Each structure stands twice: as structure tokens, then as C-alpha cells.
C-alpha atoms as a PDB file:
ATOM      1  CA  UNK A   1      60.595 253.910   6.844  1.00  0.00           C
ATOM      2  CA  UNK A   2      56.861 254.471   7.063  1.00  0.00           C
ATOM      3  CA  UNK A   3      53.833 252.218   7.228  1.00  0.00           C
ATOM      4  CA  UNK A   4      50.623 253.693   5.936  1.00  0.00           C
ATOM      5  CA  UNK A   5      47.837 251.561   7.395  1.00  0.00           C
ATOM      6  CA  UNK A   6      45.284 252.263   4.713  1.00  0.00           C
ATOM      7  CA  UNK A   7      44.001 249.925   2.071  1.00  0.00           C
ATOM      8  CA  UNK A   8      44.803 250.634  -1.598  1.00  0.00           C
ATOM      9  CA  UNK A   9      45.401 248.959  -4.921  1.00  0.00           C
ATOM     10  CA  UNK A  10      49.021 248.577  -5.742  1.00  0.00           C
ATOM     11  CA  UNK A  11      48.909 251.479  -8.250  1.00  0.00           C
ATOM     12  CA  UNK A  12      47.296 253.814  -5.667  1.00  0.00           C
ATOM     13  CA  UNK A  13      49.673 252.636  -2.946  1.00  0.00           C
ATOM     14  CA  UNK A  14      52.732 253.431  -5.097  1.00  0.00           C
ATOM     15  CA  UNK A  15      51.240 256.807  -6.027  1.00  0.00           C
ATOM     16  CA  UNK A  16      50.698 257.615  -2.347  1.00  0.00           C
ATOM     17  CA  UNK A  17      54.328 256.697  -1.583  1.00  0.00           C
ATOM     18  CA  UNK A  18      55.556 258.824  -4.480  1.00  0.00           C
ATOM     19  CA  UNK A  19      53.674 261.856  -3.065  1.00  0.00           C
ATOM     20  CA  UNK A  20      55.864 261.315   0.039  1.00  0.00           C
ATOM     21  CA  UNK A  21      59.023 261.188  -2.124  1.00  0.00           C
ATOM     22  CA  UNK A  22      59.280 257.455  -1.528  1.00  0.00           C
ATOM     23  CA  UNK A  23      58.358 254.211  -3.257  1.00  0.00           C
ATOM     24  CA  UNK A  24      56.805 251.000  -2.076  1.00  0.00           C
ATOM     25  CA  UNK A  25      59.252 249.032   0.025  1.00  0.00           C
ATOM     26  CA  UNK A  26      62.172 247.110  -1.494  1.00  0.00           C
ATOM     27  CA  UNK A  27      63.198 244.257   0.818  1.00  0.00           C
ATOM     28  CA  UNK A  28      66.633 242.795   0.075  1.00  0.00           C
ATOM     29  CA  UNK A  29      67.570 240.716   3.121  1.00  0.00           C
ATOM     30  CA  UNK A  30      66.137 238.520   5.775  1.00  0.00           C
ATOM     31  CA  UNK A  31      66.714 241.068   8.565  1.00  0.00           C
ATOM     32  CA  UNK A  32      64.910 243.726   6.517  1.00  0.00           C
ATOM     33  CA  UNK A  33      62.058 241.326   5.771  1.00  0.00           C
ATOM     34  CA  UNK A  34      61.765 240.719   9.505  1.00  0.00           C
ATOM     35  CA  UNK A  35      61.526 244.506  10.163  1.00  0.00           C
ATOM     36  CA  UNK A  36      58.782 244.979   7.508  1.00  0.00           C
ATOM     37  CA  UNK A  37      56.970 241.882   8.748  1.00  0.00           C
ATOM     38  CA  UNK A  38      56.957 243.305  12.321  1.00  0.00           C
ATOM     39  CA  UNK A  39      55.209 246.423  10.930  1.00  0.00           C
ATOM     40  CA  UNK A  40      52.488 244.454   9.153  1.00  0.00           C
ATOM     41  CA  UNK A  41      51.694 241.661  11.567  1.00  0.00           C
ATOM     42  CA  UNK A  42      48.307 240.240  10.683  1.00  0.00           C
ATOM     43  CA  UNK A  43      48.108 242.128   7.365  1.00  0.00           C
ATOM     44  CA  UNK A  44      48.833 241.292   3.782  1.00  0.00           C
ATOM     45  CA  UNK A  45      50.718 244.375   2.461  1.00  0.00           C
ATOM     46  CA  UNK A  46      52.122 245.593  -0.815  1.00  0.00           C
ATOM     47  CA  UNK A  47      55.878 245.587  -1.423  1.00  0.00           C
ATOM     48  CA  UNK A  48      57.405 247.389  -4.383  1.00  0.00           C
ATOM     49  CA  UNK A  49      58.228 244.581  -6.804  1.00  0.00           C
ATOM     50  CA  UNK A  50      56.183 243.602  -9.792  1.00  0.00           C
ATOM     51  CA  UNK A  51      56.562 241.234 -12.715  1.00  0.00           C
ATOM     52  CA  UNK A  52      54.108 243.150 -14.947  1.00  0.00           C
ATOM     53  CA  UNK A  53      56.753 243.761 -17.665  1.00  0.00           C
ATOM     54  CA  UNK A  54      58.069 240.157 -17.913  1.00  0.00           C
ATOM     55  CA  UNK A  55      56.181 237.343 -16.206  1.00  0.00           C
ATOM     56  CA  UNK A  56      58.329 235.689 -13.543  1.00  0.00           C
ATOM     57  CA  UNK A  57      60.917 238.487 -13.387  1.00  0.00           C
ATOM     58  CA  UNK A  58      60.057 240.680 -10.392  1.00  0.00           C
ATOM     59  CA  UNK A  59      61.673 244.147 -10.363  1.00  0.00           C
ATOM     60  CA  UNK A  60      61.892 246.651  -7.476  1.00  0.00           C
ATOM     61  CA  UNK A  61      60.957 250.276  -8.178  1.00  0.00           C
ATOM     62  CA  UNK A  62      64.631 251.095  -8.943  1.00  0.00           C
ATOM     63  CA  UNK A  63      64.643 248.461 -11.695  1.00  0.00           C
ATOM     64  CA  UNK A  64      66.763 245.921  -9.842  1.00  0.00           C
ATOM     65  CA  UNK A  65      65.641 242.284  -9.667  1.00  0.00           C
ATOM     66  CA  UNK A  66      65.266 239.925  -6.705  1.00  0.00           C
ATOM     67  CA  UNK A  67      68.704 238.388  -7.250  1.00  0.00           C
ATOM     68  CA  UNK A  68      70.262 237.667  -3.873  1.00  0.00           C
ATOM     69  CA  UNK A  69      67.134 237.550  -1.787  1.00  0.00           C
ATOM     70  CA  UNK A  70      63.460 236.584  -1.929  1.00  0.00           C
ATOM     71  CA  UNK A  71      61.039 235.115   0.593  1.00  0.00           C
ATOM     72  CA  UNK A  72      58.319 233.481  -1.533  1.00  0.00           C
ATOM     73  CA  UNK A  73      56.503 230.761   0.262  1.00  0.00           C
ATOM     74  CA  UNK A  74      56.528 227.341  -1.368  1.00  0.00           C
ATOM     75  CA  UNK A  75      54.649 227.122  -4.650  1.00  0.00           C
ATOM     76  CA  UNK A  76      54.679 230.846  -5.478  1.00  0.00           C
ATOM     77  CA  UNK A  77      54.974 233.011  -7.412  1.00  0.00           C
ATOM     78  CA  UNK A  78      52.410 231.170  -9.515  1.00  0.00           C
ATOM     79  CA  UNK A  79      50.631 233.962 -11.352  1.00  0.00           C
ATOM     80  CA  UNK A  80      47.295 232.888  -9.912  1.00  0.00           C
ATOM     81  CA  UNK A  81      47.702 229.241 -10.766  1.00  0.00           C
ATOM     82  CA  UNK A  82      45.863 229.873 -14.007  1.00  0.00           C
ATOM     83  CA  UNK A  83      42.985 231.615 -12.202  1.00  0.00           C
ATOM     84  CA  UNK A  84      43.981 235.172 -13.143  1.00  0.00           C
ATOM     85  CA  UNK A  85      46.887 237.523 -13.535  1.00  0.00           C
ATOM     86  CA  UNK A  86      49.023 238.117 -10.413  1.00  0.00           C
ATOM     87  CA  UNK A  87      51.815 240.613 -11.078  1.00  0.00           C
ATOM     88  CA  UNK A  88      52.407 242.367  -7.784  1.00  0.00           C
ATOM     89  CA  UNK A  89      54.368 241.365  -4.720  1.00  0.00           C
ATOM     90  CA  UNK A  90      52.968 241.281  -1.164  1.00  0.00           C
ATOM     91  CA  UNK A  91      54.379 240.383   2.187  1.00  0.00           C
ATOM     92  CA  UNK A  92      52.088 238.159   4.207  1.00  0.00           C
ATOM     93  CA  UNK A  93      52.146 239.618   7.674  1.00  0.00           C
ATOM     94  CA  UNK A  94      49.518 237.089   8.546  1.00  0.00           C
ATOM     95  CA  UNK A  95      51.828 234.207   7.454  1.00  0.00           C
ATOM     96  CA  UNK A  96      55.183 234.922   9.023  1.00  0.00           C
ATOM     97  CA  UNK A  97      56.380 237.459   6.462  1.00  0.00           C
ATOM     98  CA  UNK A  98      56.395 235.150   3.462  1.00  0.00           C
ATOM     99  CA  UNK A  99      55.878 236.637   0.014  1.00  0.00           C
ATOM    100  CA  UNK A 100      53.221 235.985  -2.608  1.00  0.00           C
ATOM    101  CA  UNK A 101      52.155 237.342  -5.949  1.00  0.00           C
ATOM    102  CA  UNK A 102      48.682 238.874  -6.057  1.00  0.00           C
ATOM    103  CA  UNK A 103      46.471 240.778  -8.491  1.00  0.00           C
ATOM    104  CA  UNK A 104      47.571 244.408  -8.558  1.00  0.00           C
ATOM    105  CA  UNK A 105      43.987 245.651  -8.289  1.00  0.00           C
ATOM    106  CA  UNK A 106      43.447 244.026  -4.858  1.00  0.00           C
ATOM    107  CA  UNK A 107      43.458 246.327  -1.879  1.00  0.00           C
ATOM    108  CA  UNK A 108      46.012 245.845   0.850  1.00  0.00           C
ATOM    109  CA  UNK A 109      47.979 247.900   3.350  1.00  0.00           C
ATOM    110  CA  UNK A 110      51.435 249.011   2.216  1.00  0.00           C
ATOM    111  CA  UNK A 111      54.893 250.038   3.333  1.00  0.00           C
ATOM    112  CA  UNK A 112      56.637 253.100   1.837  1.00  0.00           C
ATOM    113  CA  UNK A 113      60.269 254.035   1.770  1.00  0.00           C
ATOM    114  CA  UNK A 114      61.974 251.017   3.302  1.00  0.00           C
ATOM    115  CA  UNK A 115      65.305 250.308   1.654  1.00  0.00           C
ATOM    116  CA  UNK A 116      67.603 247.647   3.012  1.00  0.00           C
END
């Protein structure tokens, strides 16, 4: 597990993780979410899932879906609520570790290589 405390778009964050032979984090349980959240306290940070292929179906880098665990806060994912495309998953370290969908071009911190 590794936290890179730099700001990057989701595409650049994933590319950085790949150069380290990792991917953006895949979080598959509440204990794992708590570990990642403890690394990103106070920061919104990229996780590895995206619904860019099929809206509403988030997939981790290995192609698996969120079946079995997610931590979206109430009302999300909402794809920007009609205000713009939001296809990439973040953990809200500034909001207790809840998840949200955000525009992939935003810049956030990110977590590489965490598999639960």
C-alpha cells in the first residue's frame, strides 16, 4: 500500500500508479475503507473505480464491480446531478471516508496498490 500525496487527474494518477507496478486502490470492505480513509484524512482522493464505460456501473481496475461493498454517501453516485459528467470514484477523507463520483479531470491526491 502506498499513498502518493500529490495532486493529479484520475488519468495521471492511474498512470503514476502503473509506473510503480500498481493501480489506483480497490476498496472491497469496511475495514479496508477505514485503512485508506486513515491515510487520506482531510483529503479527497482518487480510488480505482470508474463508470466511464457504462454509466452507473463502477468497475475496479481488474474489471470487477462494486458488488458486495460500497461506501457512497447518501444521494450519490449522481453523475453531477445534471451539472456535468462524473465518472470517477473518490474517497472523501474530509467526510469520514464516504465515496462520491467526481469529474475525472479534477485533481486530487490518490492511493496506489491497496487491495483488500
